[in-house]
């Protein structure tokens, strides 16, 4: 089950937990209210046959998927690539990740521009909204295998901060100010 907390500002190894002192955890519901990030728990042992993931994909219109493995063995120039993933950026589309194996962190900015760290592991699926500033890093296990989903052909362009004039950012900020509402 996913865990989320407000991060400290310690610049040491990005793969550490980086809790504030004392730690400030937030629930999945609070994460959604503060950022619009959605969470689903998917059974990694039965997702190919139980229909749960298929239903989410159909409801949300995900028509393309692939799989990525991040580890020292699978990524050339691993340390440099990990630093690139950790650059604060946004996308014009949602970022959808379903962790099949391993673990890592997605960091997202809340409305007060504070970092919230989301620890994901096998069975966690998160949907990061278009226009939110975020970043990714592995944890100290240095391994994650995840499925990525897209509506249509993937558009995989990160726009590094600042990108406040982009339409997707303006739309996100408007949703943030109005409050996120779950679909009924």
Protein backbone atom coordinates (compact mmCIF):
# COMPACT_ATOMS: atom_id res chain seq x y z
CA UNK A 1 0.00 0.00 0.00
CA UNK A 2 1.32 3.39 -1.01
CA UNK A 3 2.62 5.80 1.66
CA UNK A 4 3.00 9.56 1.28
CA UNK A 5 4.63 12.26 3.41
CA UNK A 6 5.92 15.82 3.31
CA UNK A 7 9.63 15.89 2.53
CA UNK A 8 12.50 17.63 4.27
CA UNK A 9 14.84 19.86 2.27
CA UNK A 10 17.98 17.81 2.86
CA UNK A 11 20.01 17.68 -0.38
CA UNK A 12 21.69 14.34 0.41
CA UNK A 13 21.06 11.13 -1.55
CA UNK A 14 17.71 11.45 -3.33
CA UNK A 15 17.08 7.72 -2.78
CA UNK A 16 16.64 8.17 0.99
CA UNK A 17 13.18 8.65 2.53
CA UNK A 18 13.66 12.34 3.41
CA UNK A 19 11.09 12.60 6.20
CA UNK A 20 10.58 15.86 8.05
CA UNK A 21 11.37 15.76 11.77
CA UNK A 22 8.89 14.75 13.10
CA UNK A 23 7.50 12.89 10.06
CA UNK A 24 4.30 14.28 8.46
CA UNK A 25 2.42 11.48 6.69
CA UNK A 26 -0.68 12.11 4.60
CA UNK A 27 -3.42 9.70 3.57
CA UNK A 28 -4.30 8.74 0.00
CA UNK A 29 -7.42 10.92 0.26
CA UNK A 30 -5.36 13.91 1.44
CA UNK A 31 -2.87 13.28 -1.37
CA UNK A 32 -5.70 13.52 -3.89
CA UNK A 33 -7.18 16.63 -2.28
CA UNK A 34 -3.81 18.41 -2.13
CA UNK A 35 -2.44 17.37 -5.55
CA UNK A 36 -4.97 15.51 -7.70
CA UNK A 37 -2.76 12.40 -7.67
CA UNK A 38 -4.95 9.30 -7.83
CA UNK A 39 -4.09 5.92 -6.34
CA UNK A 40 -5.25 2.38 -7.10
CA UNK A 41 -4.17 -0.85 -5.42
CA UNK A 42 -3.88 -3.62 -8.03
CA UNK A 43 -3.15 -7.26 -7.27
CA UNK A 44 0.14 -8.02 -9.05
CA UNK A 45 -0.59 -11.76 -8.95
CA UNK A 46 -3.95 -11.58 -10.71
CA UNK A 47 -4.10 -8.28 -12.66
CA UNK A 48 -3.77 -10.09 -15.99
CA UNK A 49 -6.95 -12.09 -15.39
CA UNK A 50 -9.08 -10.39 -12.70
CA UNK A 51 -10.32 -7.51 -14.90
CA UNK A 52 -9.57 -4.73 -12.38
CA UNK A 53 -6.80 -3.10 -14.39
CA UNK A 54 -8.69 -3.69 -17.65
CA UNK A 55 -11.70 -1.82 -16.24
CA UNK A 56 -9.53 1.18 -15.22
CA UNK A 57 -7.87 1.22 -18.65
CA UNK A 58 -11.23 1.12 -20.41
CA UNK A 59 -12.86 3.79 -18.19
CA UNK A 60 -9.92 6.16 -18.63
CA UNK A 61 -9.28 5.46 -22.31
CA UNK A 62 -5.77 4.07 -21.96
CA UNK A 63 -5.07 2.55 -25.35
CA UNK A 64 -1.29 2.20 -25.29
CA UNK A 65 0.97 0.55 -22.73
CA UNK A 66 4.56 -0.48 -22.32
CA UNK A 67 6.84 -1.55 -19.52
CA UNK A 68 9.99 0.01 -18.14
CA UNK A 69 12.65 -1.44 -15.88
CA UNK A 70 14.97 0.93 -14.03
CA UNK A 71 18.08 -0.62 -12.54
CA UNK A 72 21.86 -0.39 -12.81
CA UNK A 73 21.79 -3.45 -15.08
CA UNK A 74 19.13 -2.13 -17.46
CA UNK A 75 19.94 1.55 -17.91
CA UNK A 76 23.18 2.77 -19.46
CA UNK A 77 24.76 5.68 -17.54
CA UNK A 78 22.50 4.78 -14.61
CA UNK A 79 23.54 7.52 -12.16
CA UNK A 80 23.21 10.29 -14.78
CA UNK A 81 19.82 8.98 -15.93
CA UNK A 82 18.57 8.82 -12.34
CA UNK A 83 19.57 12.46 -11.85
CA UNK A 84 17.68 13.37 -15.05
CA UNK A 85 14.52 11.62 -13.78
CA UNK A 86 14.86 13.69 -10.59
CA UNK A 87 14.71 17.04 -12.42
CA UNK A 88 11.50 18.85 -11.53
CA UNK A 89 9.21 18.86 -14.56
CA UNK A 90 5.66 18.49 -15.84
CA UNK A 91 3.96 16.74 -18.75
CA UNK A 92 1.09 17.69 -21.04
CA UNK A 93 -0.53 14.27 -20.37
CA UNK A 94 -1.17 12.26 -17.22
CA UNK A 95 1.69 10.08 -16.03
CA UNK A 96 0.33 6.64 -15.18
CA UNK A 97 2.51 4.04 -13.49
CA UNK A 98 1.60 0.58 -12.22
CA UNK A 99 4.46 -0.97 -10.24
CA UNK A 100 4.80 -4.66 -11.03
CA UNK A 101 8.02 -5.26 -9.12
CA UNK A 102 10.43 -3.22 -7.01
CA UNK A 103 9.94 0.23 -5.52
CA UNK A 104 10.68 3.92 -5.87
CA UNK A 105 9.48 7.45 -5.16
CA UNK A 106 7.40 9.96 -7.04
CA UNK A 107 7.62 13.47 -5.59
CA UNK A 108 4.86 15.99 -6.34
CA UNK A 109 4.35 19.64 -5.41
CA UNK A 110 1.26 20.63 -3.43
CA UNK A 111 -0.54 23.99 -3.67
CA UNK A 112 1.93 25.52 -1.20
CA UNK A 113 4.85 24.34 -3.35
CA UNK A 114 5.94 21.77 -0.76
CA UNK A 115 7.25 18.40 -1.88
CA UNK A 116 5.18 15.34 -1.06
CA UNK A 117 7.01 12.03 -1.46
CA UNK A 118 4.96 9.04 -2.62
CA UNK A 119 6.59 5.66 -1.95
CA UNK A 120 5.37 3.10 -4.49
CA UNK A 121 5.92 -0.65 -4.58
CA UNK A 122 4.45 -3.71 -6.29
CA UNK A 123 0.69 -3.35 -6.65
CA UNK A 124 0.63 0.46 -6.49
CA UNK A 125 -0.77 2.39 -9.42
CA UNK A 126 -0.64 6.16 -9.39
CA UNK A 127 -1.95 8.71 -11.84
CA UNK A 128 -0.09 12.01 -11.78
CA UNK A 129 -2.16 14.78 -13.37
CA UNK A 130 -1.06 16.73 -16.40
CA UNK A 131 0.53 20.05 -15.43
CA UNK A 132 1.73 19.13 -11.90
CA UNK A 133 5.40 19.61 -11.10
CA UNK A 134 6.89 16.28 -10.13
CA UNK A 135 9.97 14.06 -10.31
CA UNK A 136 10.92 10.40 -9.88
CA UNK A 137 13.72 8.51 -8.21
CA UNK A 138 14.47 4.99 -7.18
CA UNK A 139 14.83 4.16 -3.51
CA UNK A 140 17.93 2.47 -2.08
CA UNK A 141 16.91 -0.87 -3.67
CA UNK A 142 17.77 0.66 -7.08
CA UNK A 143 15.12 -1.36 -8.93
CA UNK A 144 11.62 -0.87 -10.26
CA UNK A 145 9.61 -2.49 -13.04
CA UNK A 146 6.45 -0.64 -14.00
CA UNK A 147 3.79 -0.54 -16.66
CA UNK A 148 3.14 2.83 -18.29
CA UNK A 149 -0.24 3.70 -19.79
CA UNK A 150 -1.21 6.41 -22.27
CA UNK A 151 -4.26 7.72 -24.07
CA UNK A 152 -3.29 7.30 -27.73
CA UNK A 153 0.33 7.42 -28.82
CA UNK A 154 2.68 8.31 -25.96
CA UNK A 155 3.85 11.88 -25.71
CA UNK A 156 6.83 11.64 -23.45
CA UNK A 157 8.24 15.13 -23.23
CA UNK A 158 9.23 16.57 -19.86
CA UNK A 159 9.04 20.34 -19.51
CA UNK A 160 11.41 21.45 -16.78
CA UNK A 161 10.35 24.07 -14.29
CA UNK A 162 9.53 26.89 -14.88
CA UNK A 163 6.74 26.02 -17.29
CA UNK A 164 3.99 28.10 -15.70
CA UNK A 165 2.79 29.58 -19.00
CA UNK A 166 1.93 26.21 -20.52
CA UNK A 167 -1.83 25.58 -20.92
CA UNK A 168 -1.64 22.25 -19.04
CA UNK A 169 -0.03 24.02 -16.06
CA UNK A 170 -2.66 26.76 -16.05
CA UNK A 171 -5.44 24.14 -16.18
CA UNK A 172 -3.83 22.21 -13.33
CA UNK A 173 -3.50 25.32 -11.15
CA UNK A 174 -7.17 26.15 -11.80
CA UNK A 175 -8.21 22.63 -10.72
CA UNK A 176 -5.94 22.93 -7.68
CA UNK A 177 -7.62 26.19 -6.65
CA UNK A 178 -11.16 24.85 -7.21
CA UNK A 179 -10.44 21.54 -5.49
CA UNK A 180 -10.20 18.08 -6.97
CA UNK A 181 -13.45 16.12 -7.25
CA UNK A 182 -13.66 12.39 -7.80
CA UNK A 183 -15.80 11.21 -10.68
CA UNK A 184 -19.11 9.75 -9.53
